[in-house]
Protein backbone atom coordinates (compact mmCIF):
# COMPACT_ATOMS: atom_id res chain seq x y z
CA MET A 1 -0.62 0.05 -23.55
CA ASP A 2 0.87 0.05 -26.50
CA THR A 3 -0.98 1.34 -29.37
CA PRO A 4 -0.59 2.34 -32.96
CA ALA A 5 -1.58 6.51 -31.77
CA SER A 6 1.01 6.26 -28.67
CA ARG A 7 3.61 4.62 -30.80
CA ALA A 8 2.91 7.97 -32.72
CA CYS A 9 3.03 10.30 -30.09
CA GLY A 10 6.75 8.98 -28.40
CA ILE A 11 5.41 5.83 -26.37
CA HIS A 12 7.67 2.97 -26.87
CA ALA A 13 8.78 -0.35 -25.42
CA ALA A 14 12.04 -0.98 -25.14
CA ARG A 15 14.28 2.22 -24.56
CA LEU A 16 16.93 0.42 -22.26
CA ASN A 17 19.32 -2.26 -22.87
CA LEU A 18 17.80 -5.97 -21.73
CA ALA A 19 20.50 -5.57 -18.75
CA ASP A 20 19.39 -2.43 -17.74
CA TYR A 21 15.92 -3.23 -16.66
CA ALA A 22 17.24 -6.02 -14.32
CA VAL A 23 19.31 -2.75 -12.48
CA ASN A 24 16.81 -0.34 -12.33
CA PHE A 25 13.98 -3.04 -11.29
CA GLY A 26 16.34 -4.88 -8.42
CA ASP A 27 15.74 -4.32 -4.72
CA ALA A 28 16.30 -0.56 -4.37
CA HIS A 29 17.96 -0.46 -0.66
CA PRO A 30 19.85 -3.79 -0.45
CA PRO A 31 19.03 -5.75 2.99
CA LEU A 32 21.43 -5.66 6.29
CA THR A 33 24.40 -8.63 6.30
CA ARG A 34 24.44 -9.86 9.26
CA PRO A 35 27.45 -7.78 10.56
CA GLN A 36 25.74 -5.05 9.90
CA ALA A 37 22.60 -5.87 11.84
CA LEU A 38 23.86 -6.81 14.50
CA ILE A 39 26.30 -3.35 14.78
CA GLU A 40 23.00 -1.39 14.03
CA ALA A 41 20.96 -3.65 16.97
CA GLU A 42 23.96 -2.78 19.45
CA ARG A 43 22.93 0.72 18.71
CA CYS A 44 19.68 0.18 20.72
CA TYR A 45 18.93 1.13 23.78
CA TYR A 46 16.32 -1.45 24.73
CA CYS A 47 14.08 1.35 26.16
CA HIS A 48 11.47 0.53 28.93
CA ASP A 49 7.98 1.56 27.63
CA ALA A 50 10.02 2.58 23.89
CA PRO A 51 8.44 5.39 21.86
CA CYS A 52 8.95 3.87 18.82
CA ALA A 53 7.09 1.00 20.35
CA THR A 54 4.07 3.38 20.83
CA ALA A 55 4.23 5.24 17.44
CA CYS A 56 4.15 1.58 15.29
CA PRO A 57 0.62 0.96 14.24
CA THR A 58 0.61 -2.79 15.04
CA GLY A 59 2.42 -2.15 18.52
CA ILE A 60 5.33 -4.03 17.51
CA ASP A 61 7.74 -4.37 20.65
CA ILE A 62 10.97 -3.15 19.15
CA PRO A 63 13.00 -2.82 21.54
CA SER A 64 12.24 -7.02 22.05
CA PHE A 65 12.91 -8.01 18.54
CA ILE A 66 16.10 -5.93 18.07
CA HIS A 67 17.35 -7.40 21.38
CA ARG A 68 16.77 -10.51 20.22
CA ILE A 69 19.01 -10.04 16.66
CA ALA A 70 21.39 -8.61 19.36
CA GLN A 71 21.32 -12.03 20.50
CA ASP A 72 21.16 -13.62 16.91
CA ASN A 73 18.05 -15.15 17.63
CA ASN A 74 16.57 -13.93 14.04
CA ARG A 75 13.80 -16.63 14.91
CA GLY A 76 12.92 -14.98 18.39
CA ALA A 77 13.24 -11.69 16.66
CA ALA A 78 10.52 -13.02 13.38
CA ARG A 79 8.16 -13.93 16.05
CA ALA A 80 7.78 -10.65 17.71
CA ILE A 81 7.42 -8.87 14.89
CA LEU A 82 4.44 -11.46 13.31
CA THR A 83 2.62 -12.15 16.42
CA ALA A 84 1.94 -7.96 16.33
CA ASN A 85 2.05 -7.87 12.10
CA PRO A 86 1.59 -10.95 10.07
CA LEU A 87 2.87 -8.74 7.13
CA GLY A 88 5.82 -7.19 9.21
CA GLY A 89 8.04 -8.78 6.00
CA MET A 90 5.97 -6.20 3.79
CA CYS A 91 5.59 -3.70 6.26
CA ALA A 92 9.80 -3.03 6.87
CA ARG A 93 10.05 -2.88 3.20
CA VAL A 94 7.19 -0.08 2.30
CA CYS A 95 5.83 1.70 5.49
CA PRO A 96 7.58 5.04 5.63
CA THR A 97 9.29 4.48 9.39
CA GLU A 98 11.07 7.65 9.24
CA VAL A 99 7.57 9.37 10.46
CA LEU A 100 7.17 6.27 12.46
CA CYS A 101 8.80 4.16 14.79
CA GLU A 102 11.96 5.66 13.49
CA GLN A 103 11.23 9.45 14.32
CA ALA A 104 9.91 8.46 17.68
CA CYS A 105 13.90 7.00 18.45
CA VAL A 106 15.32 8.37 21.46
CA ARG A 107 18.69 8.26 19.75
CA ASN A 108 17.09 11.53 17.86
CA THR A 109 17.61 13.54 21.23
CA ASN A 110 21.22 13.15 20.77
CA GLU A 111 22.72 11.87 17.65
CA ASP A 112 20.21 13.00 14.81
CA LYS A 113 20.67 9.34 13.80
CA PRO A 114 17.76 6.75 14.71
CA VAL A 115 18.04 3.46 14.88
CA GLU A 116 17.18 1.88 11.56
CA ILE A 117 14.44 -0.07 12.88
CA GLY A 118 12.73 -0.87 9.71
CA ALA A 119 16.28 -2.51 8.08
CA LEU A 120 16.31 -4.98 11.00
CA GLN A 121 12.92 -5.46 11.14
CA ARG A 122 13.41 -6.39 7.23
CA TYR A 123 16.66 -8.74 8.19
CA ALA A 124 14.69 -10.48 10.81
CA THR A 125 11.50 -11.13 8.27
CA ASP A 126 13.76 -12.05 5.67
CA ALA A 127 15.96 -14.67 7.69
CA PHE A 128 12.77 -16.50 8.88
CA PHE A 129 11.05 -16.58 5.01
CA ALA A 130 14.63 -17.89 4.18
CA GLN A 131 14.37 -20.97 6.53
CA PRO A 132 11.27 -20.75 7.82
CA GLY A 133 11.72 -24.25 9.96
CA ALA A 134 8.63 -25.16 11.86
CA PRO A 135 5.34 -23.08 11.86
CA LEU A 136 5.72 -19.93 14.46
CA PHE A 137 1.95 -20.19 14.93
CA GLN A 138 -0.44 -23.03 15.57
CA ARG A 139 -4.29 -22.99 14.88
CA ALA A 140 -6.43 -23.25 17.50
CA ALA A 141 -9.32 -25.91 17.60
CA PRO A 142 -11.95 -25.28 14.99
CA THR A 143 -14.99 -23.29 16.45
CA GLY A 144 -17.55 -24.47 13.92
CA LYS A 145 -18.13 -20.46 12.72
CA ARG A 146 -17.54 -19.33 9.55
CA VAL A 147 -16.53 -15.72 8.70
CA ALA A 148 -16.37 -14.18 5.14
CA VAL A 149 -13.79 -11.45 4.34
CA VAL A 150 -13.88 -9.23 0.97
CA GLY A 151 -10.43 -8.26 0.25
CA ALA A 152 -7.73 -9.55 -0.04
CA GLY A 153 -5.11 -6.28 0.76
CA PRO A 154 -3.47 -6.04 3.63
CA ALA A 155 -6.32 -5.11 6.31
CA GLY A 156 -8.13 -8.58 4.62
CA LEU A 157 -5.36 -10.98 5.06
CA ALA A 158 -3.95 -9.21 8.93
CA CYS A 159 -8.36 -10.11 9.33
CA ALA A 160 -8.23 -13.86 7.74
CA HIS A 161 -5.02 -14.51 9.71
CA GLY A 162 -6.11 -13.32 12.78
CA LEU A 163 -9.71 -15.46 12.45
CA ALA A 164 -7.77 -18.56 11.41
CA VAL A 165 -5.34 -19.10 13.93
CA ARG A 166 -8.28 -18.57 16.50
CA GLY A 167 -10.20 -21.49 14.79
CA HIS A 168 -12.61 -19.92 12.75
CA ASP A 169 -13.34 -20.88 8.96
CA VAL A 170 -12.65 -18.27 6.52
CA THR A 171 -13.77 -17.64 3.51
CA LEU A 172 -11.29 -15.08 1.39
CA LEU A 173 -12.92 -13.38 -1.34
CA GLU A 174 -10.81 -11.29 -3.88
CA VAL A 175 -11.62 -9.27 -7.15
CA ARG A 176 -8.00 -10.17 -8.58
CA PRO A 177 -6.33 -13.29 -9.80
CA LYS A 178 -3.68 -13.13 -7.28
CA LEU A 179 -3.93 -11.99 -3.13
CA GLY A 180 -2.10 -8.88 -2.22
CA GLY A 181 -3.87 -5.93 -3.03
CA LEU A 182 -1.68 -2.98 -3.02
CA ASN A 183 0.81 -5.32 -1.90
CA GLU A 184 0.91 -6.76 -5.40
CA TYR A 185 -0.75 -4.59 -7.56
CA GLY A 186 -0.05 -0.91 -6.24
CA LEU A 187 3.68 -0.55 -4.88
CA ALA A 188 6.72 0.19 -7.48
CA SER A 189 8.72 -3.39 -7.88
CA TYR A 190 11.94 -2.19 -6.60
CA LYS A 191 10.16 -1.75 -3.26
CA THR A 192 9.19 -5.50 -3.64
CA ALA A 193 11.53 -7.36 -5.34
CA GLY A 194 12.16 -11.21 -5.81
CA ASN A 195 7.95 -11.97 -5.80
CA PHE A 196 8.02 -11.09 -2.09
CA ALA A 197 4.46 -10.16 -1.68
CA GLN A 198 3.44 -13.81 -2.92
CA LYS A 199 5.88 -15.06 -0.45
CA GLU A 200 4.30 -13.22 2.39
CA VAL A 201 0.62 -14.31 1.25
CA GLU A 202 1.98 -18.01 1.12
CA TRP A 203 3.23 -17.98 4.17
CA LEU A 204 0.30 -16.65 5.89
CA LEU A 205 -2.14 -19.18 4.21
CA SER A 206 0.22 -21.46 5.52
CA ILE A 207 -2.02 -21.49 9.18
CA GLY A 208 -4.79 -23.49 7.55
CA GLY A 209 -8.38 -22.76 7.50
CA ILE A 210 -8.60 -19.97 4.65
CA GLU A 211 -10.77 -20.65 1.49
CA VAL A 212 -9.64 -18.61 -0.90
CA ARG A 213 -11.55 -17.47 -3.97
CA THR A 214 -10.60 -15.17 -6.72
CA GLN A 215 -11.81 -12.85 -9.32
CA GLN A 216 -15.18 -13.07 -7.13
CA GLN A 217 -16.14 -9.14 -7.30
CA LEU A 218 -18.80 -8.03 -4.62
CA GLY A 219 -22.06 -7.23 -6.20
CA ARG A 220 -21.42 -8.95 -9.26
CA ASP A 221 -20.51 -12.67 -7.76
CA PHE A 222 -22.32 -12.24 -4.53
CA THR A 223 -23.73 -9.66 -2.31
CA LEU A 224 -23.21 -8.90 1.50
CA ASP A 225 -26.87 -10.18 2.42
CA SER A 226 -25.80 -14.03 0.30
CA LEU A 227 -22.41 -13.37 2.41
CA LEU A 228 -24.44 -12.37 5.88
CA ALA A 229 -27.14 -15.69 4.64
CA SER A 230 -23.82 -18.29 4.65
CA HIS A 231 -21.68 -16.66 7.05
CA ASP A 232 -21.31 -15.73 10.71
CA ALA A 233 -19.59 -12.41 10.43
CA VAL A 234 -18.11 -10.35 7.12
CA PHE A 235 -15.54 -8.26 6.94
CA LEU A 236 -14.94 -5.89 4.52
CA GLY A 237 -11.51 -4.74 3.05
CA LEU A 238 -12.32 -3.34 -0.18
CA GLY A 239 -10.02 -0.62 -0.86
CA LEU A 240 -10.42 2.15 -3.02
CA GLN A 241 -11.49 1.22 -6.32
CA GLY A 242 -12.67 4.75 -7.42
CA VAL A 243 -9.93 6.80 -9.24
CA ASN A 244 -10.36 10.70 -8.84
CA ALA A 245 -10.94 12.91 -12.06
CA LEU A 246 -8.72 15.77 -12.75
CA GLY A 247 -11.18 18.41 -12.56
CA ILE A 248 -11.12 19.29 -15.99
CA ALA A 249 -11.78 17.95 -19.07
CA GLU A 250 -10.09 14.52 -19.77
CA PRO A 251 -10.08 13.84 -23.66
CA SER A 252 -10.02 9.98 -24.63
CA ALA A 253 -6.26 10.18 -25.80
CA ALA A 254 -3.26 7.99 -26.10
CA GLY A 255 -1.05 8.51 -23.22
CA LEU A 256 -3.33 9.63 -20.66
CA ARG A 257 -4.11 6.79 -18.02
CA ASN A 258 -4.40 6.48 -14.41
CA ALA A 259 -1.05 6.08 -12.24
CA VAL A 260 -2.42 3.15 -10.49
CA ASP A 261 -2.91 1.05 -14.11
CA PHE A 262 0.27 1.85 -15.02
CA ILE A 263 1.89 0.49 -11.88
CA ALA A 264 -0.20 -2.40 -11.92
CA GLU A 265 0.84 -3.18 -15.25
CA LEU A 266 4.24 -3.04 -14.24
CA ARG A 267 4.23 -5.19 -11.47
CA GLN A 268 2.16 -7.99 -13.04
CA SER A 269 4.84 -7.99 -16.47
CA ALA A 270 6.97 -10.71 -17.04
CA ASP A 271 9.29 -8.79 -19.18
CA LEU A 272 9.67 -5.01 -18.29
CA SER A 273 11.29 -4.55 -22.22
CA THR A 274 7.78 -4.86 -23.55
CA LEU A 275 6.28 -1.90 -21.64
CA PRO A 276 6.02 1.24 -23.25
CA VAL A 277 6.56 4.60 -21.98
CA GLY A 278 7.00 7.70 -23.04
CA ARG A 279 9.90 10.28 -23.74
CA ARG A 280 8.74 13.15 -21.84
CA VAL A 281 6.04 12.23 -18.90
CA VAL A 282 4.05 14.32 -16.28
CA VAL A 283 2.51 12.73 -13.35
CA ILE A 284 0.23 14.61 -11.62
CA GLY A 285 -0.33 14.29 -7.83
CA GLY A 286 1.94 14.64 -4.69
CA GLY A 287 1.21 11.15 -2.83
CA MET A 288 3.45 7.50 -2.98
CA THR A 289 1.40 6.38 -6.02
CA ALA A 290 2.76 9.52 -7.95
CA VAL A 291 6.52 9.17 -6.90
CA ASP A 292 6.05 5.59 -7.50
CA ALA A 293 4.95 6.04 -10.68
CA ALA A 294 7.19 8.79 -11.43
CA VAL A 295 10.44 6.84 -10.35
CA GLN A 296 9.13 3.64 -12.88
CA SER A 297 9.05 6.13 -15.67
CA ARG A 298 12.28 7.17 -15.43
CA LYS A 299 13.71 3.61 -14.97
CA LEU A 300 11.75 1.98 -17.69
CA GLY A 301 14.25 4.93 -19.88
CA ALA A 302 11.85 8.29 -19.86
CA GLU A 303 14.14 11.06 -20.31
CA GLU A 304 12.10 13.68 -18.71
CA VAL A 305 9.66 13.23 -15.94
CA THR A 306 8.03 15.30 -13.59
CA ILE A 307 5.86 15.47 -10.90
CA VAL A 308 3.16 18.60 -10.76
CA TYR A 309 1.15 19.37 -7.45
CA ARG A 310 -0.93 22.21 -6.62
CA ARG A 311 0.48 23.28 -2.99
CA GLY A 312 3.92 23.13 -1.48
CA ALA A 313 6.47 20.39 -0.53
CA GLU A 314 5.37 20.24 2.56
CA ALA A 315 1.56 19.42 1.60
CA MET A 316 2.62 16.14 -0.56
CA SER A 317 1.37 13.06 1.21
CA ALA A 318 4.70 11.45 -0.44
CA SER A 319 6.97 11.72 2.79
CA VAL A 320 10.27 13.65 2.35
CA VAL A 321 12.26 10.48 1.86
CA GLU A 322 10.24 9.87 -1.44
CA GLN A 323 10.33 12.75 -2.55
CA GLN A 324 14.05 13.07 -2.22
CA TRP A 325 14.03 9.28 -3.68
CA ALA A 326 12.34 10.77 -6.93
CA GLN A 327 14.70 13.68 -7.24
CA THR A 328 17.74 11.61 -6.60
CA ASN A 329 16.10 8.93 -9.50
CA GLY A 330 16.25 12.31 -12.01
CA VAL A 331 12.46 13.05 -11.47
CA THR A 332 11.67 17.01 -11.45
CA ILE A 333 9.48 17.92 -8.74
CA ARG A 334 7.22 21.20 -9.63
CA HIS A 335 5.17 22.96 -6.80
CA TRP A 336 2.35 25.27 -6.69
CA ALA A 337 0.64 24.04 -10.11
CA ALA A 338 -3.11 22.73 -10.94
CA PRO A 339 -3.83 21.54 -14.54
CA GLN A 340 -5.66 23.60 -16.88
CA GLU A 341 -5.86 21.62 -20.02
CA VAL A 342 -4.84 18.17 -20.97
CA LEU A 343 -2.93 19.44 -25.18
CA CYS A 344 -3.61 16.51 -27.65
CA GLU A 345 -3.08 16.10 -31.48
CA ASN A 346 -4.38 13.32 -33.89
CA GLY A 347 -5.67 11.17 -30.81
CA ALA A 348 -2.84 11.56 -28.51
CA VAL A 349 -1.19 13.65 -25.77
CA THR A 350 1.52 16.27 -26.12
CA GLY A 351 1.05 18.31 -22.89
CA VAL A 352 -0.55 19.49 -20.43
CA ARG A 353 -0.80 23.34 -19.55
CA PHE A 354 -0.93 24.61 -16.08
CA ALA A 355 -2.09 26.97 -13.88
CA ALA A 356 0.17 29.00 -11.03
CA THR A 357 -1.49 28.49 -7.48
CA ALA A 358 -0.77 29.95 -4.34
CA LEU A 359 -2.71 30.55 -1.01
CA ASP A 360 -4.59 33.74 -0.51
CA ALA A 361 -5.48 36.00 2.08
CA ARG A 362 -8.24 33.38 3.24
CA GLY A 363 -5.56 30.22 3.14
CA LYS A 364 -7.70 28.63 -0.03
CA LEU A 365 -5.74 27.51 -2.81
CA ALA A 366 -5.96 29.83 -5.71
CA SER A 367 -4.93 30.87 -9.20
CA THR A 368 -2.27 33.42 -9.65
CA GLY A 369 -3.67 33.82 -13.07
CA GLU A 370 -0.03 32.77 -14.34
CA THR A 371 -0.05 29.73 -16.37
CA PHE A 372 2.71 27.34 -17.90
CA THR A 373 2.79 24.32 -20.64
CA LEU A 374 4.75 20.87 -19.95
CA ALA A 375 5.40 18.72 -23.29
CA ALA A 376 4.52 15.29 -22.74
CA ASP A 377 3.31 12.45 -24.64
CA MET A 378 2.60 10.77 -21.38
CA VAL A 379 0.58 11.92 -18.76
CA LEU A 380 -0.45 9.33 -15.37
CA LYS A 381 -2.71 11.01 -13.31
CA ALA A 382 -2.17 10.34 -9.21
CA ILE A 383 -4.33 12.57 -7.60
CA GLY A 384 -6.24 10.02 -4.94
CA GLN A 385 -8.58 7.26 -5.16
CA THR A 386 -12.23 6.96 -3.77
CA TYR A 387 -14.22 4.26 -1.96
CA VAL A 388 -16.78 3.27 -4.84
CA ALA A 389 -19.80 2.16 -1.92
CA GLU A 390 -22.22 0.77 -4.77
CA PRO A 391 -21.13 -2.73 -4.30
CA ALA A 392 -21.60 -3.04 -0.60
CA GLY A 393 -25.18 -1.58 -0.62
CA ALA A 394 -26.72 1.64 0.82
CA ALA A 395 -26.87 -0.13 4.36
CA ILE A 396 -23.30 0.49 5.20
CA ALA A 397 -23.13 4.00 6.91
CA LEU A 398 -20.59 6.24 5.03
CA GLU A 399 -18.37 9.26 6.94
CA GLY A 400 -16.42 11.37 4.34
CA GLY A 401 -17.27 8.76 1.24
CA ARG A 402 -15.80 5.89 3.31
CA ILE A 403 -17.04 3.38 5.40
CA ARG A 404 -17.97 4.54 9.20
CA THR A 405 -16.98 2.24 11.86
CA ASP A 406 -16.07 2.20 15.56
CA ALA A 407 -12.70 1.60 16.71
CA ALA A 408 -12.65 -2.31 16.32
CA GLY A 409 -14.13 -1.87 13.12
CA ARG A 410 -18.07 -2.52 13.38
CA THR A 411 -19.85 -1.06 10.46
CA SER A 412 -23.56 0.39 10.84
CA VAL A 413 -24.71 -3.34 9.59
CA ALA A 414 -25.07 -5.68 12.39
CA ARG A 415 -21.95 -8.81 11.71
CA VAL A 416 -20.45 -6.35 9.22
CA TRP A 417 -16.91 -5.17 9.96
CA ALA A 418 -14.53 -2.92 7.38
CA GLY A 419 -10.91 -1.91 7.55
CA GLY A 420 -8.14 -0.77 5.44
CA ASP A 421 -8.79 2.27 3.02
CA CYS A 422 -11.99 1.58 2.84
CA ARG A 423 -12.72 2.71 6.48
CA ALA A 424 -13.01 6.36 7.34
CA GLY A 425 -10.71 8.21 9.49
CA GLY A 426 -7.66 6.18 8.12
CA ARG A 427 -3.81 7.34 6.41
CA ASP A 428 -3.88 5.39 3.85
CA LEU A 429 -0.87 3.04 5.51
CA THR A 430 -0.36 -0.53 4.45
CA VAL A 431 0.87 -0.87 8.51
CA GLU A 432 -2.53 0.68 9.78
CA ALA A 433 -4.64 -1.20 7.06
CA VAL A 434 -3.09 -4.51 8.94
CA GLU A 435 -3.77 -3.21 12.28
CA HIS A 436 -7.41 -2.82 11.33
CA GLY A 437 -7.80 -6.21 10.35
CA LYS A 438 -5.85 -7.11 13.37
CA VAL A 439 -8.25 -5.44 15.75
CA ALA A 440 -11.54 -6.44 13.77
CA ALA A 441 -10.44 -10.00 14.01
CA VAL A 442 -10.23 -9.70 17.73
CA SER A 443 -13.56 -8.40 17.85
CA ILE A 444 -15.38 -10.87 15.33
CA HIS A 445 -13.44 -13.19 17.35
CA GLU A 446 -15.21 -12.31 20.64
CA ALA A 447 -18.23 -11.43 19.10
CA LEU A 448 -18.72 -15.15 17.89
CA SER A 449 -17.76 -16.23 21.25
CA VAL A 450 -20.29 -14.68 23.21
CA PRO A 451 -22.45 -17.32 24.21
CA VAL A 452 -26.51 -17.32 22.97
CA ALA A 453 -28.85 -17.47 26.15
CA LEU A 454 -31.23 -19.94 25.57
CA VAL A 455 -34.93 -19.21 25.12
CA ALA A 456 -37.25 -20.51 27.70
């Protein structure tokens, strides 16, 4: 945010020439051309019981869709993908395929170079969205049942689509002005160029039977009890609304902000040249959000950007590929350091003092007694988010601070399911959230399809 205090401490907009913004925030990884896709598809062994398909959280039949690309049947390939994963286009862009399907590719055994499954998935889905033609899916006859889906992120969208396909009427409630959740507000712009998140949402809603209500907040505009009174079932795809604190004093100072807010502001900006960024930026954290915030700070024109993480590189939740991406974009990553004090002067951030860390004899993280200071006029907190339980109510049982469910997504409250990042035991992956929504839709459909016994 641009304020007098932020400008005084070195946070400015328009650090680059206008043309540089378009280049910096264009598609980070250009899609495969048709010849490249055909050549790459021919590298697939089309394995029976393919380990890549087993490794995919949504169970996409990977050999099948790749074989169809090799046959130049992109529509058929897209059908195979979107049947298993209705957000397959976005997942092709943002999922860590290098540690999921591609890591399981049998070509790793002989060549140490897997088939580029993610790139091929994007090729097929992009081709379909460019020329969709007739609908891929037809909605079943109306069942007369109505389901409320709270939260229009990947889990909620997948659940809503799965229910609508089966003929149920869905009320999709979202607190923000746009649908998409993390896909729209929480990912780096260069991963989702061309407004792809909204194009995918538009396609998903085209199945029909989904009533969208935006800027509707659970606990403010409606309650779980009110939804249960007016709907046959409820799915909660609430995501993580809280942001973890640094664990030290956080002064009210210009330049100190949450990384998720910085990324959301950037994603919704119509003119990136108006976005202010510091000259020296420090990002505290070790996940995907930290990498996205750091790299985008560089792309906005920050001269020095440093990610600081309290443990070693192997403990970072950001994948090795993401860490390398940050480094190749001019971001320095410093490990084994925890924030000790945010330094301020005249109401603005001037730096952060860190304590060096190490594992003690018991394997616990501890301070070594050494300290160092990094100068900064912008500090972005990216140390994780938390589930906020109050809006859904105390009746929803938690586990480890998130909603406890069974394998099908059923919560402790009858007729209420949950999935995505708010659900306990997950890995906070887009593709996993989609699977949660997909599985819950099947479970809800089965529950609503059970005939009610007549009372004599």
